[in-house]
Amino acid sequence: MNKHISGFRQYIKALMDHLEKNDPDTKKKIDETLVKGGKEADALMDRLQYCYRVYLIIGFHKSVECVKHFLEWGQG
């Protein structure tokens, strides 16, 4: 990830593009959760915002690890 991501929306787009190429199963989990909606989707969005802050501080690849960790840990 060479270019700077200037906002949360751009981060989500870059994250989803990265996952589509490198980890389609994780992308599918995120898509399914967001489409389903409800409390799980709200919790996922909160976690994605946390991972965006990880990106800002540590970098993109650590933020991807953060997303995967939250998905493995559970949605609730």
PDB file of N, CA and C in Angstrom:
ATOM      1  N   MET A   1       0.850  -1.166   0.000  1.00  0.00           N
ATOM      2  CA  MET A   1       0.000   0.000   0.000  1.00  0.00           C
ATOM      3  C   MET A   1       0.895   1.228   0.000  1.00  0.00           C
ATOM      4  N   ASN A   2       1.055   1.848  -1.144  1.00  0.00           N
ATOM      5  CA  ASN A   2       1.979   2.964  -1.279  1.00  0.00           C
ATOM      6  C   ASN A   2       1.310   4.326  -1.126  1.00  0.00           C
ATOM      7  N   LYS A   3       0.081   4.454  -1.593  1.00  0.00           N
ATOM      8  CA  LYS A   3      -0.545   5.776  -1.557  1.00  0.00           C
ATOM      9  C   LYS A   3      -1.215   6.025  -0.207  1.00  0.00           C
ATOM     10  N   HIS A   4      -1.302   7.288   0.142  1.00  0.00           N
ATOM     11  CA  HIS A   4      -1.925   7.665   1.405  1.00  0.00           C
ATOM     12  C   HIS A   4      -3.439   7.598   1.274  1.00  0.00           C
ATOM     13  N   ILE A   5      -4.088   7.079   2.266  1.00  0.00           N
ATOM     14  CA  ILE A   5      -5.541   7.000   2.311  1.00  0.00           C
ATOM     15  C   ILE A   5      -6.005   8.155   3.185  1.00  0.00           C
ATOM     16  N   SER A   6      -6.855   9.021   2.645  1.00  0.00           N
ATOM     17  CA  SER A   6      -7.151  10.262   3.344  1.00  0.00           C
ATOM     18  C   SER A   6      -8.463  10.253   4.128  1.00  0.00           C
ATOM     19  N   GLY A   7      -9.126   9.141   4.230  1.00  0.00           N
ATOM     20  CA  GLY A   7     -10.362   9.112   4.990  1.00  0.00           C
ATOM     21  C   GLY A   7     -10.864   7.694   5.185  1.00  0.00           C
ATOM     22  N   PHE A   8     -11.858   7.566   6.050  1.00  0.00           N
ATOM     23  CA  PHE A   8     -12.396   6.258   6.393  1.00  0.00           C
ATOM     24  C   PHE A   8     -12.979   5.548   5.173  1.00  0.00           C
ATOM     25  N   ARG A   9     -13.723   6.268   4.347  1.00  0.00           N
ATOM     26  CA  ARG A   9     -14.305   5.639   3.149  1.00  0.00           C
ATOM     27  C   ARG A   9     -13.229   5.100   2.216  1.00  0.00           C
ATOM     28  N   GLN A  10     -12.189   5.886   2.007  1.00  0.00           N
ATOM     29  CA  GLN A  10     -11.089   5.426   1.148  1.00  0.00           C
ATOM     30  C   GLN A  10     -10.394   4.231   1.778  1.00  0.00           C
ATOM     31  N   TYR A  11     -10.273   4.231   3.103  1.00  0.00           N
ATOM     32  CA  TYR A  11      -9.670   3.093   3.793  1.00  0.00           C
ATOM     33  C   TYR A  11     -10.499   1.831   3.561  1.00  0.00           C
ATOM     34  N   ILE A  12     -11.817   1.937   3.711  1.00  0.00           N
ATOM     35  CA  ILE A  12     -12.684   0.764   3.512  1.00  0.00           C
ATOM     36  C   ILE A  12     -12.561   0.268   2.072  1.00  0.00           C
ATOM     37  N   LYS A  13     -12.544   1.175   1.098  1.00  0.00           N
ATOM     38  CA  LYS A  13     -12.392   0.759  -0.300  1.00  0.00           C
ATOM     39  C   LYS A  13     -11.055   0.058  -0.510  1.00  0.00           C
ATOM     40  N   ALA A  14      -9.976   0.639   0.004  1.00  0.00           N
ATOM     41  CA  ALA A  14      -8.657   0.024  -0.144  1.00  0.00           C
ATOM     42  C   ALA A  14      -8.607  -1.324   0.557  1.00  0.00           C
ATOM     43  N   LEU A  15      -9.209  -1.410   1.746  1.00  0.00           N
ATOM     44  CA  LEU A  15      -9.246  -2.667   2.497  1.00  0.00           C
ATOM     45  C   LEU A  15      -9.990  -3.735   1.703  1.00  0.00           C
ATOM     46  N   MET A  16     -11.166  -3.391   1.186  1.00  0.00           N
ATOM     47  CA  MET A  16     -11.959  -4.373   0.455  1.00  0.00           C
ATOM     48  C   MET A  16     -11.267  -4.788  -0.848  1.00  0.00           C
ATOM     49  N   ASP A  17     -10.631  -3.850  -1.529  1.00  0.00           N
ATOM     50  CA  ASP A  17      -9.866  -4.194  -2.743  1.00  0.00           C
ATOM     51  C   ASP A  17      -8.726  -5.152  -2.396  1.00  0.00           C
ATOM     52  N   HIS A  18      -8.024  -4.852  -1.310  1.00  0.00           N
ATOM     53  CA  HIS A  18      -6.915  -5.705  -0.861  1.00  0.00           C
ATOM     54  C   HIS A  18      -7.423  -7.105  -0.517  1.00  0.00           C
ATOM     55  N   LEU A  19      -8.518  -7.163   0.219  1.00  0.00           N
ATOM     56  CA  LEU A  19      -9.057  -8.471   0.613  1.00  0.00           C
ATOM     57  C   LEU A  19      -9.584  -9.250  -0.588  1.00  0.00           C
ATOM     58  N   GLU A  20     -10.176  -8.564  -1.545  1.00  0.00           N
ATOM     59  CA  GLU A  20     -10.683  -9.237  -2.745  1.00  0.00           C
ATOM     60  C   GLU A  20      -9.552  -9.954  -3.479  1.00  0.00           C
ATOM     61  N   LYS A  21      -8.384  -9.331  -3.517  1.00  0.00           N
ATOM     62  CA  LYS A  21      -7.230  -9.915  -4.209  1.00  0.00           C
ATOM     63  C   LYS A  21      -6.517 -10.961  -3.355  1.00  0.00           C
ATOM     64  N   ASN A  22      -6.432 -10.729  -2.050  1.00  0.00           N
ATOM     65  CA  ASN A  22      -5.572 -11.541  -1.195  1.00  0.00           C
ATOM     66  C   ASN A  22      -6.287 -12.471  -0.222  1.00  0.00           C
ATOM     67  N   ASP A  23      -7.540 -12.160   0.105  1.00  0.00           N
ATOM     68  CA  ASP A  23      -8.272 -12.973   1.084  1.00  0.00           C
ATOM     69  C   ASP A  23      -9.773 -12.844   0.833  1.00  0.00           C
ATOM     70  N   PRO A  24     -10.262 -13.460  -0.261  1.00  0.00           N
ATOM     71  CA  PRO A  24     -11.675 -13.310  -0.614  1.00  0.00           C
ATOM     72  C   PRO A  24     -12.643 -13.836   0.445  1.00  0.00           C
ATOM     73  N   ASP A  25     -12.222 -14.798   1.251  1.00  0.00           N
ATOM     74  CA  ASP A  25     -13.113 -15.318   2.297  1.00  0.00           C
ATOM     75  C   ASP A  25     -13.407 -14.256   3.355  1.00  0.00           C
ATOM     76  N   THR A  26     -12.384 -13.502   3.738  1.00  0.00           N
ATOM     77  CA  THR A  26     -12.582 -12.433   4.718  1.00  0.00           C
ATOM     78  C   THR A  26     -13.468 -11.342   4.132  1.00  0.00           C
ATOM     79  N   LYS A  27     -13.247 -10.992   2.877  1.00  0.00           N
ATOM     80  CA  LYS A  27     -14.089  -9.985   2.228  1.00  0.00           C
ATOM     81  C   LYS A  27     -15.536 -10.451   2.205  1.00  0.00           C
ATOM     82  N   LYS A  28     -15.740 -11.723   1.911  1.00  0.00           N
ATOM     83  CA  LYS A  28     -17.100 -12.271   1.859  1.00  0.00           C
ATOM     84  C   LYS A  28     -17.766 -12.181   3.233  1.00  0.00           C
ATOM     85  N   LYS A  29     -17.024 -12.490   4.309  1.00  0.00           N
ATOM     86  CA  LYS A  29     -17.582 -12.380   5.665  1.00  0.00           C
ATOM     87  C   LYS A  29     -18.023 -10.958   5.967  1.00  0.00           C
ATOM     88  N   ILE A  30     -17.181  -9.990   5.584  1.00  0.00           N
ATOM     89  CA  ILE A  30     -17.515  -8.583   5.827  1.00  0.00           C
ATOM     90  C   ILE A  30     -18.757  -8.204   5.026  1.00  0.00           C
ATOM     91  N   ASP A  31     -18.779  -8.541   3.737  1.00  0.00           N
ATOM     92  CA  ASP A  31     -19.928  -8.220   2.887  1.00  0.00           C
ATOM     93  C   ASP A  31     -21.215  -8.818   3.445  1.00  0.00           C
ATOM     94  N   GLU A  32     -21.174 -10.086   3.813  1.00  0.00           N
ATOM     95  CA  GLU A  32     -22.374 -10.756   4.321  1.00  0.00           C
ATOM     96  C   GLU A  32     -22.871 -10.112   5.609  1.00  0.00           C
ATOM     97  N   THR A  33     -21.955  -9.750   6.489  1.00  0.00           N
ATOM     98  CA  THR A  33     -22.341  -9.131   7.754  1.00  0.00           C
ATOM     99  C   THR A  33     -22.977  -7.760   7.522  1.00  0.00           C
ATOM    100  N   LEU A  34     -22.388  -6.975   6.636  1.00  0.00           N
ATOM    101  CA  LEU A  34     -22.922  -5.647   6.377  1.00  0.00           C
ATOM    102  C   LEU A  34     -24.270  -5.701   5.664  1.00  0.00           C
ATOM    103  N   VAL A  35     -24.438  -6.658   4.759  1.00  0.00           N
ATOM    104  CA  VAL A  35     -25.711  -6.800   4.055  1.00  0.00           C
ATOM    105  C   VAL A  35     -26.805  -7.250   5.020  1.00  0.00           C
ATOM    106  N   LYS A  36     -26.448  -8.139   5.938  1.00  0.00           N
ATOM    107  CA  LYS A  36     -27.412  -8.648   6.919  1.00  0.00           C
ATOM    108  C   LYS A  36     -27.907  -7.522   7.828  1.00  0.00           C
ATOM    109  N   GLY A  37     -27.014  -6.601   8.165  1.00  0.00           N
ATOM    110  CA  GLY A  37     -27.386  -5.461   9.000  1.00  0.00           C
ATOM    111  C   GLY A  37     -27.537  -5.842  10.465  1.00  0.00           C
ATOM    112  N   GLY A  38     -28.168  -4.973  11.216  1.00  0.00           N
ATOM    113  CA  GLY A  38     -28.423  -5.222  12.625  1.00  0.00           C
ATOM    114  C   GLY A  38     -27.227  -4.940  13.513  1.00  0.00           C
ATOM    115  N   LYS A  39     -27.284  -5.531  14.704  1.00  0.00           N
ATOM    116  CA  LYS A  39     -26.246  -5.288  15.709  1.00  0.00           C
ATOM    117  C   LYS A  39     -24.872  -5.790  15.270  1.00  0.00           C
ATOM    118  N   GLU A  40     -24.835  -6.909  14.556  1.00  0.00           N
ATOM    119  CA  GLU A  40     -23.546  -7.435  14.093  1.00  0.00           C
ATOM    120  C   GLU A  40     -22.881  -6.481  13.113  1.00  0.00           C
ATOM    121  N   ALA A  41     -23.672  -5.901  12.216  1.00  0.00           N
ATOM    122  CA  ALA A  41     -23.117  -4.946  11.253  1.00  0.00           C
ATOM    123  C   ALA A  41     -22.637  -3.680  11.971  1.00  0.00           C
ATOM    124  N   ASP A  42     -23.411  -3.223  12.958  1.00  0.00           N
ATOM    125  CA  ASP A  42     -22.988  -2.050  13.732  1.00  0.00           C
ATOM    126  C   ASP A  42     -21.679  -2.325  14.464  1.00  0.00           C
ATOM    127  N   ALA A  43     -21.582  -3.504  15.062  1.00  0.00           N
ATOM    128  CA  ALA A  43     -20.355  -3.873  15.779  1.00  0.00           C
ATOM    129  C   ALA A  43     -19.176  -3.968  14.812  1.00  0.00           C
ATOM    130  N   LEU A  44     -19.408  -4.523  13.630  1.00  0.00           N
ATOM    131  CA  LEU A  44     -18.343  -4.624  12.626  1.00  0.00           C
ATOM    132  C   LEU A  44     -17.880  -3.230  12.193  1.00  0.00           C
ATOM    133  N   MET A  45     -18.811  -2.324  11.975  1.00  0.00           N
ATOM    134  CA  MET A  45     -18.419  -0.963  11.587  1.00  0.00           C
ATOM    135  C   MET A  45     -17.598  -0.293  12.693  1.00  0.00           C
ATOM    136  N   ASP A  46     -17.976  -0.512  13.949  1.00  0.00           N
ATOM    137  CA  ASP A  46     -17.176   0.021  15.062  1.00  0.00           C
ATOM    138  C   ASP A  46     -15.764  -0.543  15.023  1.00  0.00           C
ATOM    139  N   ARG A  47     -15.664  -1.834  14.752  1.00  0.00           N
ATOM    140  CA  ARG A  47     -14.345  -2.479  14.701  1.00  0.00           C
ATOM    141  C   ARG A  47     -13.541  -1.999  13.504  1.00  0.00           C
ATOM    142  N   LEU A  48     -14.211  -1.768  12.382  1.00  0.00           N
ATOM    143  CA  LEU A  48     -13.507  -1.247  11.211  1.00  0.00           C
ATOM    144  C   LEU A  48     -12.992   0.168  11.475  1.00  0.00           C
ATOM    145  N   GLN A  49     -13.740   0.954  12.226  1.00  0.00           N
ATOM    146  CA  GLN A  49     -13.259   2.294  12.586  1.00  0.00           C
ATOM    147  C   GLN A  49     -12.035   2.190  13.488  1.00  0.00           C
ATOM    148  N   TYR A  50     -12.047   1.232  14.407  1.00  0.00           N
ATOM    149  CA  TYR A  50     -10.870   1.000  15.248  1.00  0.00           C
ATOM    150  C   TYR A  50      -9.672   0.611  14.381  1.00  0.00           C
ATOM    151  N   CYS A  51      -9.897  -0.288  13.418  1.00  0.00           N
ATOM    152  CA  CYS A  51      -8.809  -0.737  12.539  1.00  0.00           C
ATOM    153  C   CYS A  51      -8.318   0.397  11.649  1.00  0.00           C
ATOM    154  N   TYR A  52      -9.202   1.318  11.295  1.00  0.00           N
ATOM    155  CA  TYR A  52      -8.772   2.500  10.546  1.00  0.00           C
ATOM    156  C   TYR A  52      -7.800   3.322  11.395  1.00  0.00           C
ATOM    157  N   ARG A  53      -8.075   3.451  12.677  1.00  0.00           N
ATOM    158  CA  ARG A  53      -7.153   4.169  13.563  1.00  0.00           C
ATOM    159  C   ARG A  53      -5.822   3.424  13.666  1.00  0.00           C
ATOM    160  N   VAL A  54      -5.870   2.093  13.660  1.00  0.00           N
ATOM    161  CA  VAL A  54      -4.630   1.304  13.632  1.00  0.00           C
ATOM    162  C   VAL A  54      -3.851   1.634  12.363  1.00  0.00           C
ATOM    163  N   TYR A  55      -4.555   1.728  11.232  1.00  0.00           N
ATOM    164  CA  TYR A  55      -3.900   2.098   9.973  1.00  0.00           C
ATOM    165  C   TYR A  55      -3.189   3.444  10.107  1.00  0.00           C
ATOM    166  N   LEU A  56      -3.876   4.420  10.684  1.00  0.00           N
ATOM    167  CA  LEU A  56      -3.305   5.757  10.797  1.00  0.00           C
ATOM    168  C   LEU A  56      -2.037   5.765  11.652  1.00  0.00           C
ATOM    169  N   ILE A  57      -2.006   4.911  12.669  1.00  0.00           N
ATOM    170  CA  ILE A  57      -0.881   4.901  13.605  1.00  0.00           C
ATOM    171  C   ILE A  57       0.232   3.956  13.163  1.00  0.00           C
ATOM    172  N   ILE A  58      -0.128   2.741  12.758  1.00  0.00           N
ATOM    173  CA  ILE A  58       0.873   1.699  12.527  1.00  0.00           C
ATOM    174  C   ILE A  58       1.072   1.370  11.045  1.00  0.00           C
ATOM    175  N   GLY A  59      -0.004   1.393  10.265  1.00  0.00           N
ATOM    176  CA  GLY A  59       0.133   1.091   8.849  1.00  0.00           C
ATOM    177  C   GLY A  59      -0.950   0.154   8.349  1.00  0.00           C
ATOM    178  N   PHE A  60      -1.044   0.064   7.017  1.00  0.00           N
ATOM    179  CA  PHE A  60      -2.125  -0.667   6.369  1.00  0.00           C
ATOM    180  C   PHE A  60      -2.128  -2.152   6.702  1.00  0.00           C
ATOM    181  N   HIS A  61      -0.977  -2.799   6.596  1.00  0.00           N
ATOM    182  CA  HIS A  61      -0.955  -4.250   6.779  1.00  0.00           C
ATOM    183  C   HIS A  61      -1.299  -4.650   8.215  1.00  0.00           C
ATOM    184  N   LYS A  62      -0.907  -3.844   9.180  1.00  0.00           N
ATOM    185  CA  LYS A  62      -1.309  -4.120  10.567  1.00  0.00           C
ATOM    186  C   LYS A  62      -2.813  -3.932  10.735  1.00  0.00           C
ATOM    187  N   SER A  63      -3.389  -2.984  10.008  1.00  0.00           N
ATOM    188  CA  SER A  63      -4.832  -2.790  10.107  1.00  0.00           C
ATOM    189  C   SER A  63      -5.588  -3.965   9.490  1.00  0.00           C
ATOM    190  N   VAL A  64      -5.033  -4.560   8.435  1.00  0.00           N
ATOM    191  CA  VAL A  64      -5.648  -5.764   7.840  1.00  0.00           C
ATOM    192  C   VAL A  64      -5.608  -6.902   8.860  1.00  0.00           C
ATOM    193  N   GLU A  65      -4.499  -7.047   9.566  1.00  0.00           N
ATOM    194  CA  GLU A  65      -4.409  -8.059  10.620  1.00  0.00           C
ATOM    195  C   GLU A  65      -5.456  -7.790  11.697  1.00  0.00           C
ATOM    196  N   CYS A  66      -5.672  -6.527  12.012  1.00  0.00           N
ATOM    197  CA  CYS A  66      -6.674  -6.131  12.998  1.00  0.00           C
ATOM    198  C   CYS A  66      -8.065  -6.600  12.558  1.00  0.00           C
ATOM    199  N   VAL A  67      -8.418  -6.349  11.307  1.00  0.00           N
ATOM    200  CA  VAL A  67      -9.722  -6.757  10.775  1.00  0.00           C
ATOM    201  C   VAL A  67      -9.880  -8.272  10.868  1.00  0.00           C
ATOM    202  N   LYS A  68      -8.868  -9.001  10.442  1.00  0.00           N
ATOM    203  CA  LYS A  68      -8.929 -10.465  10.483  1.00  0.00           C
ATOM    204  C   LYS A  68      -9.069 -10.961  11.914  1.00  0.00           C
ATOM    205  N   HIS A  69      -8.347 -10.329  12.833  1.00  0.00           N
ATOM    206  CA  HIS A  69      -8.436 -10.709  14.244  1.00  0.00           C
ATOM    207  C   HIS A  69      -9.867 -10.546  14.751  1.00  0.00           C
ATOM    208  N   PHE A  70     -10.490  -9.410  14.463  1.00  0.00           N
ATOM    209  CA  PHE A  70     -11.857  -9.177  14.918  1.00  0.00           C
ATOM    210  C   PHE A  70     -12.828 -10.173  14.309  1.00  0.00           C
ATOM    211  N   LEU A  71     -12.641 -10.524  13.037  1.00  0.00           N
ATOM    212  CA  LEU A  71     -13.541 -11.479  12.400  1.00  0.00           C
ATOM    213  C   LEU A  71     -13.374 -12.883  12.979  1.00  0.00           C
ATOM    214  N   GLU A  72     -12.136 -13.251  13.320  1.00  0.00           N
ATOM    215  CA  GLU A  72     -11.905 -14.566  13.922  1.00  0.00           C
ATOM    216  C   GLU A  72     -12.428 -14.608  15.349  1.00  0.00           C
ATOM    217  N   TRP A  73     -12.330 -13.477  16.035  1.00  0.00           N
ATOM    218  CA  TRP A  73     -12.722 -13.380  17.438  1.00  0.00           C
ATOM    219  C   TRP A  73     -14.226 -13.463  17.597  1.00  0.00           C
ATOM    220  N   GLY A  74     -14.946 -13.017  16.585  1.00  0.00           N
ATOM    221  CA  GLY A  74     -16.398 -13.096  16.623  1.00  0.00           C
ATOM    222  C   GLY A  74     -17.039 -11.758  16.374  1.00  0.00           C
ATOM    223  N   GLN A  75     -18.239 -11.804  15.938  1.00  0.00           N
ATOM    224  CA  GLN A  75     -18.971 -10.593  15.572  1.00  0.00           C
ATOM    225  C   GLN A  75     -19.678  -9.951  16.753  1.00  0.00           C
ATOM    226  N   GLY A  76     -20.006 -10.699  17.784  1.00  0.00           N
ATOM    227  CA  GLY A  76     -20.858 -10.163  18.855  1.00  0.00           C
ATOM    228  C   GLY A  76     -20.135  -9.462  19.941  1.00  0.00           C
TER     229      GLY A  76
END
